[in-house]
């Protein structure tokens, strides 16, 4: 067995509720804007509840599985830069 002199990497704390709210907004706003620009004519023909269902069903997976992981990684990188710098 070999001993390493490296210290274990410090864990990045989870975002505060204000940081998380801002991160979610950063993902949700452009996602909904893009969906509305791409499918606005088609969505306009739907009743409001159905339109909201389609938007939420489309936007939530994009945000949660597509965008938020990238934002969390970016936040972690920026957080480690703050610690070093």
PDB file of N, CA and C in Angstrom:
ATOM      1  N   UNK A   1       0.845  -1.184   0.000  1.00  0.00           N
ATOM      2  CA  UNK A   1       0.000   0.000   0.000  1.00  0.00           C
ATOM      3  C   UNK A   1       0.885   1.240   0.000  1.00  0.00           C
ATOM      4  N   UNK A   2       0.437   2.225  -0.707  1.00  0.00           N
ATOM      5  CA  UNK A   2       1.188   3.471  -0.748  1.00  0.00           C
ATOM      6  C   UNK A   2       0.385   4.558  -0.075  1.00  0.00           C
ATOM      7  N   UNK A   3       1.111   5.429   0.567  1.00  0.00           N
ATOM      8  CA  UNK A   3       0.460   6.562   1.208  1.00  0.00           C
ATOM      9  C   UNK A   3       0.535   7.758   0.276  1.00  0.00           C
ATOM     10  N   UNK A   4      -0.539   8.479   0.216  1.00  0.00           N
ATOM     11  CA  UNK A   4      -0.526   9.691  -0.592  1.00  0.00           C
ATOM     12  C   UNK A   4      -0.470  10.885   0.332  1.00  0.00           C
ATOM     13  N   UNK A   5       0.225  11.901  -0.123  1.00  0.00           N
ATOM     14  CA  UNK A   5       0.335  13.119   0.676  1.00  0.00           C
ATOM     15  C   UNK A   5      -0.736  14.128   0.300  1.00  0.00           C
ATOM     16  N   UNK A   6      -1.529  13.776  -0.693  1.00  0.00           N
ATOM     17  CA  UNK A   6      -2.590  14.685  -1.102  1.00  0.00           C
ATOM     18  C   UNK A   6      -3.699  14.689  -0.066  1.00  0.00           C
ATOM     19  N   UNK A   7      -4.217  15.874   0.186  1.00  0.00           N
ATOM     20  CA  UNK A   7      -5.373  15.970   1.077  1.00  0.00           C
ATOM     21  C   UNK A   7      -6.623  15.670   0.272  1.00  0.00           C
ATOM     22  N   UNK A   8      -7.593  15.050   0.905  1.00  0.00           N
ATOM     23  CA  UNK A   8      -8.838  14.810   0.171  1.00  0.00           C
ATOM     24  C   UNK A   8      -9.439  16.135  -0.268  1.00  0.00           C
ATOM     25  N   UNK A   9     -10.009  16.135  -1.433  1.00  0.00           N
ATOM     26  CA  UNK A   9     -10.580  17.384  -1.949  1.00  0.00           C
ATOM     27  C   UNK A   9     -11.724  17.836  -1.049  1.00  0.00           C
ATOM     28  N   UNK A  10     -11.736  19.126  -0.810  1.00  0.00           N
ATOM     29  CA  UNK A  10     -12.791  19.693   0.034  1.00  0.00           C
ATOM     30  C   UNK A  10     -14.108  19.619  -0.728  1.00  0.00           C
ATOM     31  N   UNK A  11     -15.138  19.197  -0.041  1.00  0.00           N
ATOM     32  CA  UNK A  11     -16.442  19.086  -0.681  1.00  0.00           C
ATOM     33  C   UNK A  11     -17.054  20.470  -0.821  1.00  0.00           C
ATOM     34  N   UNK A  12     -17.659  20.668  -1.959  1.00  0.00           N
ATOM     35  CA  UNK A  12     -18.367  21.919  -2.211  1.00  0.00           C
ATOM     36  C   UNK A  12     -19.728  21.818  -1.542  1.00  0.00           C
ATOM     37  N   UNK A  13     -20.070  22.780  -0.710  1.00  0.00           N
ATOM     38  CA  UNK A  13     -21.394  22.704  -0.066  1.00  0.00           C
ATOM     39  C   UNK A  13     -22.499  22.885  -1.099  1.00  0.00           C
ATOM     40  N   UNK A  14     -23.667  22.360  -0.814  1.00  0.00           N
ATOM     41  CA  UNK A  14     -24.779  22.546  -1.757  1.00  0.00           C
ATOM     42  C   UNK A  14     -25.124  24.027  -1.869  1.00  0.00           C
ATOM     43  N   UNK A  15     -25.736  24.414  -2.965  1.00  0.00           N
ATOM     44  CA  UNK A  15     -26.090  25.827  -3.118  1.00  0.00           C
ATOM     45  C   UNK A  15     -27.127  26.242  -2.086  1.00  0.00           C
ATOM     46  N   UNK A  16     -27.066  27.504  -1.714  1.00  0.00           N
ATOM     47  CA  UNK A  16     -28.105  28.034  -0.825  1.00  0.00           C
ATOM     48  C   UNK A  16     -29.419  28.056  -1.599  1.00  0.00           C
ATOM     49  N   UNK A  17     -30.507  28.248  -0.897  1.00  0.00           N
ATOM     50  CA  UNK A  17     -31.793  28.260  -1.598  1.00  0.00           C
ATOM     51  C   UNK A  17     -31.865  29.427  -2.574  1.00  0.00           C
ATOM     52  N   UNK A  18     -31.167  30.524  -2.285  1.00  0.00           N
ATOM     53  CA  UNK A  18     -31.168  31.664  -3.198  1.00  0.00           C
ATOM     54  C   UNK A  18     -30.326  31.364  -4.445  1.00  0.00           C
ATOM     55  N   UNK A  19     -29.180  30.724  -4.250  1.00  0.00           N
ATOM     56  CA  UNK A  19     -28.356  30.324  -5.394  1.00  0.00           C
ATOM     57  C   UNK A  19     -29.102  29.320  -6.264  1.00  0.00           C
ATOM     58  N   UNK A  20     -29.756  28.357  -5.632  1.00  0.00           N
ATOM     59  CA  UNK A  20     -30.490  27.341  -6.375  1.00  0.00           C
ATOM     60  C   UNK A  20     -31.649  27.964  -7.153  1.00  0.00           C
ATOM     61  N   UNK A  21     -32.351  28.887  -6.528  1.00  0.00           N
ATOM     62  CA  UNK A  21     -33.451  29.570  -7.222  1.00  0.00           C
ATOM     63  C   UNK A  21     -32.921  30.320  -8.441  1.00  0.00           C
ATOM     64  N   UNK A  22     -31.785  30.980  -8.297  1.00  0.00           N
ATOM     65  CA  UNK A  22     -31.198  31.701  -9.425  1.00  0.00           C
ATOM     66  C   UNK A  22     -30.742  30.736 -10.519  1.00  0.00           C
ATOM     67  N   UNK A  23     -30.129  29.626 -10.125  1.00  0.00           N
ATOM     68  CA  UNK A  23     -29.686  28.625 -11.100  1.00  0.00           C
ATOM     69  C   UNK A  23     -30.876  28.052 -11.869  1.00  0.00           C
ATOM     70  N   UNK A  24     -31.960  27.760 -11.161  1.00  0.00           N
ATOM     71  CA  UNK A  24     -33.154  27.231 -11.818  1.00  0.00           C
ATOM     72  C   UNK A  24     -33.715  28.263 -12.788  1.00  0.00           C
ATOM     73  N   UNK A  25     -33.777  29.514 -12.356  1.00  0.00           N
ATOM     74  CA  UNK A  25     -34.275  30.563 -13.236  1.00  0.00           C
ATOM     75  C   UNK A  25     -33.408  30.676 -14.483  1.00  0.00           C
ATOM     76  N   UNK A  26     -32.067  30.593 -14.302  1.00  0.00           N
ATOM     77  CA  UNK A  26     -31.150  30.667 -15.442  1.00  0.00           C
ATOM     78  C   UNK A  26     -31.400  29.557 -16.456  1.00  0.00           C
ATOM     79  N   UNK A  27     -31.900  28.436 -16.011  1.00  0.00           N
ATOM     80  CA  UNK A  27     -32.203  27.326 -16.912  1.00  0.00           C
ATOM     81  C   UNK A  27     -33.624  27.400 -17.469  1.00  0.00           C
ATOM     82  N   UNK A  28     -34.569  27.738 -16.620  1.00  0.00           N
ATOM     83  CA  UNK A  28     -35.987  27.693 -17.019  1.00  0.00           C
ATOM     84  C   UNK A  28     -36.331  28.798 -18.015  1.00  0.00           C
ATOM     85  N   UNK A  29     -35.879  30.006 -17.763  1.00  0.00           N
ATOM     86  CA  UNK A  29     -36.260  31.123 -18.634  1.00  0.00           C
ATOM     87  C   UNK A  29     -35.829  30.901 -20.083  1.00  0.00           C
ATOM     88  N   UNK A  30     -34.549  30.599 -20.359  1.00  0.00           N
ATOM     89  CA  UNK A  30     -34.197  30.380 -21.773  1.00  0.00           C
ATOM     90  C   UNK A  30     -34.840  29.141 -22.378  1.00  0.00           C
ATOM     91  N   UNK A  31     -35.057  28.110 -21.551  1.00  0.00           N
ATOM     92  CA  UNK A  31     -35.706  26.901 -22.064  1.00  0.00           C
ATOM     93  C   UNK A  31     -37.135  27.204 -22.501  1.00  0.00           C
ATOM     94  N   UNK A  32     -37.899  27.869 -21.651  1.00  0.00           N
ATOM     95  CA  UNK A  32     -39.283  28.211 -22.016  1.00  0.00           C
ATOM     96  C   UNK A  32     -39.319  29.182 -23.187  1.00  0.00           C
ATOM     97  N   UNK A  33     -38.371  30.114 -23.235  1.00  0.00           N
ATOM     98  CA  UNK A  33     -38.316  31.052 -24.358  1.00  0.00           C
ATOM     99  C   UNK A  33     -38.056  30.308 -25.660  1.00  0.00           C
ATOM    100  N   UNK A  34     -37.098  29.390 -25.650  1.00  0.00           N
ATOM    101  CA  UNK A  34     -36.774  28.629 -26.858  1.00  0.00           C
ATOM    102  C   UNK A  34     -37.955  27.760 -27.302  1.00  0.00           C
ATOM    103  N   UNK A  35     -38.610  27.109 -26.353  1.00  0.00           N
ATOM    104  CA  UNK A  35     -39.762  26.266 -26.701  1.00  0.00           C
ATOM    105  C   UNK A  35     -40.876  27.120 -27.286  1.00  0.00           C
ATOM    106  N   UNK A  36     -41.138  28.269 -26.670  1.00  0.00           N
ATOM    107  CA  UNK A  36     -42.193  29.147 -27.183  1.00  0.00           C
ATOM    108  C   UNK A  36     -41.858  29.694 -28.566  1.00  0.00           C
ATOM    109  N   UNK A  37     -40.587  30.028 -28.810  1.00  0.00           N
ATOM    110  CA  UNK A  37     -40.203  30.516 -30.134  1.00  0.00           C
ATOM    111  C   UNK A  37     -40.291  29.409 -31.179  1.00  0.00           C
ATOM    112  N   UNK A  38     -39.903  28.208 -30.796  1.00  0.00           N
ATOM    113  CA  UNK A  38     -39.904  27.098 -31.743  1.00  0.00           C
ATOM    114  C   UNK A  38     -41.316  26.574 -32.037  1.00  0.00           C
ATOM    115  N   UNK A  39     -42.155  26.512 -31.016  1.00  0.00           N
ATOM    116  CA  UNK A  39     -43.461  25.867 -31.166  1.00  0.00           C
ATOM    117  C   UNK A  39     -44.634  26.786 -30.844  1.00  0.00           C
ATOM    118  N   UNK A  40     -44.387  28.097 -30.817  1.00  0.00           N
ATOM    119  CA  UNK A  40     -45.415  29.054 -30.414  1.00  0.00           C
ATOM    120  C   UNK A  40     -46.694  28.969 -31.212  1.00  0.00           C
ATOM    121  N   UNK A  41     -46.572  28.849 -32.529  1.00  0.00           N
ATOM    122  CA  UNK A  41     -47.789  28.784 -33.362  1.00  0.00           C
ATOM    123  C   UNK A  41     -48.614  27.549 -33.034  1.00  0.00           C
ATOM    124  N   UNK A  42     -47.958  26.434 -32.844  1.00  0.00           N
ATOM    125  CA  UNK A  42     -48.640  25.181 -32.507  1.00  0.00           C
ATOM    126  C   UNK A  42     -49.228  25.251 -31.097  1.00  0.00           C
ATOM    127  N   UNK A  43     -48.467  25.826 -30.135  1.00  0.00           N
ATOM    128  CA  UNK A  43     -48.941  25.916 -28.752  1.00  0.00           C
ATOM    129  C   UNK A  43     -50.141  26.851 -28.627  1.00  0.00           C
ATOM    130  N   UNK A  44     -50.181  27.906 -29.436  1.00  0.00           N
ATOM    131  CA  UNK A  44     -51.276  28.877 -29.361  1.00  0.00           C
ATOM    132  C   UNK A  44     -52.637  28.261 -29.645  1.00  0.00           C
ATOM    133  N   UNK A  45     -52.652  27.168 -30.376  1.00  0.00           N
ATOM    134  CA  UNK A  45     -53.928  26.531 -30.719  1.00  0.00           C
ATOM    135  C   UNK A  45     -54.489  25.703 -29.568  1.00  0.00           C
ATOM    136  N   UNK A  46     -53.707  25.498 -28.529  1.00  0.00           N
ATOM    137  CA  UNK A  46     -54.122  24.638 -27.407  1.00  0.00           C
ATOM    138  C   UNK A  46     -54.800  25.452 -26.320  1.00  0.00           C
ATOM    139  N   UNK A  47     -55.689  24.808 -25.574  1.00  0.00           N
ATOM    140  CA  UNK A  47     -56.245  25.458 -24.377  1.00  0.00           C
ATOM    141  C   UNK A  47     -55.112  25.693 -23.361  1.00  0.00           C
ATOM    142  N   UNK A  48     -55.238  26.707 -22.521  1.00  0.00           N
ATOM    143  CA  UNK A  48     -54.153  27.067 -21.602  1.00  0.00           C
ATOM    144  C   UNK A  48     -53.635  25.920 -20.724  1.00  0.00           C
ATOM    145  N   UNK A  49     -54.527  25.097 -20.190  1.00  0.00           N
ATOM    146  CA  UNK A  49     -54.068  24.010 -19.304  1.00  0.00           C
ATOM    147  C   UNK A  49     -53.256  22.985 -20.092  1.00  0.00           C
ATOM    148  N   UNK A  50     -53.696  22.639 -21.264  1.00  0.00           N
ATOM    149  CA  UNK A  50     -52.953  21.692 -22.094  1.00  0.00           C
ATOM    150  C   UNK A  50     -51.613  22.288 -22.521  1.00  0.00           C
ATOM    151  N   UNK A  51     -51.603  23.570 -22.891  1.00  0.00           N
ATOM    152  CA  UNK A  51     -50.371  24.258 -23.274  1.00  0.00           C
ATOM    153  C   UNK A  51     -49.371  24.235 -22.115  1.00  0.00           C
ATOM    154  N   UNK A  52     -49.848  24.520 -20.916  1.00  0.00           N
ATOM    155  CA  UNK A  52     -48.975  24.496 -19.741  1.00  0.00           C
ATOM    156  C   UNK A  52     -48.443  23.092 -19.487  1.00  0.00           C
ATOM    157  N   UNK A  53     -49.296  22.084 -19.649  1.00  0.00           N
ATOM    158  CA  UNK A  53     -48.877  20.690 -19.479  1.00  0.00           C
ATOM    159  C   UNK A  53     -47.775  20.338 -20.478  1.00  0.00           C
ATOM    160  N   UNK A  54     -47.950  20.715 -21.731  1.00  0.00           N
ATOM    161  CA  UNK A  54     -46.943  20.419 -22.755  1.00  0.00           C
ATOM    162  C   UNK A  54     -45.635  21.145 -22.442  1.00  0.00           C
ATOM    163  N   UNK A  55     -45.718  22.417 -22.076  1.00  0.00           N
ATOM    164  CA  UNK A  55     -44.512  23.177 -21.740  1.00  0.00           C
ATOM    165  C   UNK A  55     -43.780  22.573 -20.553  1.00  0.00           C
ATOM    166  N   UNK A  56     -44.501  22.252 -19.495  1.00  0.00           N
ATOM    167  CA  UNK A  56     -43.872  21.684 -18.300  1.00  0.00           C
ATOM    168  C   UNK A  56     -43.284  20.307 -18.584  1.00  0.00           C
ATOM    169  N   UNK A  57     -44.013  19.489 -19.330  1.00  0.00           N
ATOM    170  CA  UNK A  57     -43.546  18.144 -19.642  1.00  0.00           C
ATOM    171  C   UNK A  57     -42.293  18.177 -20.515  1.00  0.00           C
ATOM    172  N   UNK A  58     -42.171  19.193 -21.335  1.00  0.00           N
ATOM    173  CA  UNK A  58     -41.000  19.339 -22.183  1.00  0.00           C
ATOM    174  C   UNK A  58     -39.847  20.016 -21.437  1.00  0.00           C
ATOM    175  N   UNK A  59     -40.147  21.091 -20.723  1.00  0.00           N
ATOM    176  CA  UNK A  59     -39.101  21.910 -20.109  1.00  0.00           C
ATOM    177  C   UNK A  59     -38.446  21.250 -18.901  1.00  0.00           C
ATOM    178  N   UNK A  60     -39.216  20.581 -18.066  1.00  0.00           N
ATOM    179  CA  UNK A  60     -38.650  20.028 -16.826  1.00  0.00           C
ATOM    180  C   UNK A  60     -37.526  19.026 -17.096  1.00  0.00           C
ATOM    181  N   UNK A  61     -37.693  18.052 -17.976  1.00  0.00           N
ATOM    182  CA  UNK A  61     -36.558  17.142 -18.233  1.00  0.00           C
ATOM    183  C   UNK A  61     -35.352  17.849 -18.851  1.00  0.00           C
ATOM    184  N   UNK A  62     -35.596  18.821 -19.731  1.00  0.00           N
ATOM    185  CA  UNK A  62     -34.486  19.566 -20.317  1.00  0.00           C
ATOM    186  C   UNK A  62     -33.696  20.275 -19.230  1.00  0.00           C
ATOM    187  N   UNK A  63     -34.415  20.918 -18.316  1.00  0.00           N
ATOM    188  CA  UNK A  63     -33.756  21.661 -17.248  1.00  0.00           C
ATOM    189  C   UNK A  63     -33.060  20.722 -16.268  1.00  0.00           C
ATOM    190  N   UNK A  64     -33.759  19.718 -15.771  1.00  0.00           N
ATOM    191  CA  UNK A  64     -33.221  18.866 -14.712  1.00  0.00           C
ATOM    192  C   UNK A  64     -32.104  17.960 -15.205  1.00  0.00           C
ATOM    193  N   UNK A  65     -32.294  17.327 -16.356  1.00  0.00           N
ATOM    194  CA  UNK A  65     -31.304  16.358 -16.832  1.00  0.00           C
ATOM    195  C   UNK A  65     -30.293  16.949 -17.807  1.00  0.00           C
ATOM    196  N   UNK A  66     -30.668  18.042 -18.480  1.00  0.00           N
ATOM    197  CA  UNK A  66     -29.778  18.603 -19.477  1.00  0.00           C
ATOM    198  C   UNK A  66     -28.974  19.793 -19.001  1.00  0.00           C
ATOM    199  N   UNK A  67     -29.623  20.762 -18.385  1.00  0.00           N
ATOM    200  CA  UNK A  67     -28.956  22.023 -18.064  1.00  0.00           C
ATOM    201  C   UNK A  67     -28.416  22.128 -16.640  1.00  0.00           C
ATOM    202  N   UNK A  68     -29.198  21.692 -15.668  1.00  0.00           N
ATOM    203  CA  UNK A  68     -28.775  21.855 -14.274  1.00  0.00           C
ATOM    204  C   UNK A  68     -27.460  21.140 -13.939  1.00  0.00           C
ATOM    205  N   UNK A  69     -27.214  19.925 -14.437  1.00  0.00           N
ATOM    206  CA  UNK A  69     -25.919  19.308 -14.129  1.00  0.00           C
ATOM    207  C   UNK A  69     -24.725  20.158 -14.593  1.00  0.00           C
ATOM    208  N   UNK A  70     -24.870  20.793 -15.769  1.00  0.00           N
ATOM    209  CA  UNK A  70     -23.800  21.660 -16.259  1.00  0.00           C
ATOM    210  C   UNK A  70     -23.629  22.875 -15.354  1.00  0.00           C
ATOM    211  N   UNK A  71     -24.730  23.427 -14.900  1.00  0.00           N
ATOM    212  CA  UNK A  71     -24.670  24.592 -14.024  1.00  0.00           C
ATOM    213  C   UNK A  71     -24.068  24.224 -12.671  1.00  0.00           C
ATOM    214  N   UNK A  72     -24.389  23.041 -12.155  1.00  0.00           N
ATOM    215  CA  UNK A  72     -23.790  22.601 -10.889  1.00  0.00           C
ATOM    216  C   UNK A  72     -22.286  22.406 -11.040  1.00  0.00           C
ATOM    217  N   UNK A  73     -21.842  21.827 -12.161  1.00  0.00           N
ATOM    218  CA  UNK A  73     -20.402  21.663 -12.389  1.00  0.00           C
ATOM    219  C   UNK A  73     -19.711  23.012 -12.508  1.00  0.00           C
ATOM    220  N   UNK A  74     -20.342  23.943 -13.217  1.00  0.00           N
ATOM    221  CA  UNK A  74     -19.777  25.286 -13.348  1.00  0.00           C
ATOM    222  C   UNK A  74     -19.671  25.961 -11.984  1.00  0.00           C
ATOM    223  N   UNK A  75     -20.702  25.825 -11.177  1.00  0.00           N
ATOM    224  CA  UNK A  75     -20.681  26.398  -9.830  1.00  0.00           C
ATOM    225  C   UNK A  75     -19.562  25.797  -8.995  1.00  0.00           C
ATOM    226  N   UNK A  76     -19.357  24.489  -9.108  1.00  0.00           N
ATOM    227  CA  UNK A  76     -18.286  23.828  -8.360  1.00  0.00           C
ATOM    228  C   UNK A  76     -16.922  24.336  -8.822  1.00  0.00           C
ATOM    229  N   UNK A  77     -16.733  24.473 -10.143  1.00  0.00           N
ATOM    230  CA  UNK A  77     -15.458  24.995 -10.650  1.00  0.00           C
ATOM    231  C   UNK A  77     -15.214  26.411 -10.178  1.00  0.00           C
ATOM    232  N   UNK A  78     -16.251  27.248 -10.248  1.00  0.00           N
ATOM    233  CA  UNK A  78     -16.097  28.624  -9.795  1.00  0.00           C
ATOM    234  C   UNK A  78     -15.828  28.687  -8.304  1.00  0.00           C
ATOM    235  N   UNK A  79     -16.435  27.778  -7.562  1.00  0.00           N
ATOM    236  CA  UNK A  79     -16.234  27.741  -6.125  1.00  0.00           C
ATOM    237  C   UNK A  79     -14.788  27.367  -5.781  1.00  0.00           C
ATOM    238  N   UNK A  80     -14.208  26.427  -6.516  1.00  0.00           N
ATOM    239  CA  UNK A  80     -12.815  26.044  -6.243  1.00  0.00           C
ATOM    240  C   UNK A  80     -11.862  27.139  -6.666  1.00  0.00           C
ATOM    241  N   UNK A  81     -12.204  27.893  -7.705  1.00  0.00           N
ATOM    242  CA  UNK A  81     -11.363  29.029  -8.118  1.00  0.00           C
ATOM    243  C   UNK A  81     -11.371  30.072  -7.019  1.00  0.00           C
ATOM    244  N   UNK A  82     -12.538  30.327  -6.412  1.00  0.00           N
ATOM    245  CA  UNK A  82     -12.615  31.285  -5.318  1.00  0.00           C
ATOM    246  C   UNK A  82     -11.745  30.879  -4.144  1.00  0.00           C
ATOM    247  N   UNK A  83     -11.685  29.572  -3.881  1.00  0.00           N
ATOM    248  CA  UNK A  83     -10.885  29.096  -2.746  1.00  0.00           C
ATOM    249  C   UNK A  83      -9.397  29.243  -3.007  1.00  0.00           C
ATOM    250  N   UNK A  84      -8.996  29.005  -4.260  1.00  0.00           N
ATOM    251  CA  UNK A  84      -7.584  29.064  -4.610  1.00  0.00           C
ATOM    252  C   UNK A  84      -7.133  30.501  -4.722  1.00  0.00           C
ATOM    253  N   UNK A  85      -7.959  31.319  -5.372  1.00  0.00           N
ATOM    254  CA  UNK A  85      -7.564  32.698  -5.683  1.00  0.00           C
ATOM    255  C   UNK A  85      -7.715  33.643  -4.587  1.00  0.00           C
TER     256      UNK A  85
END
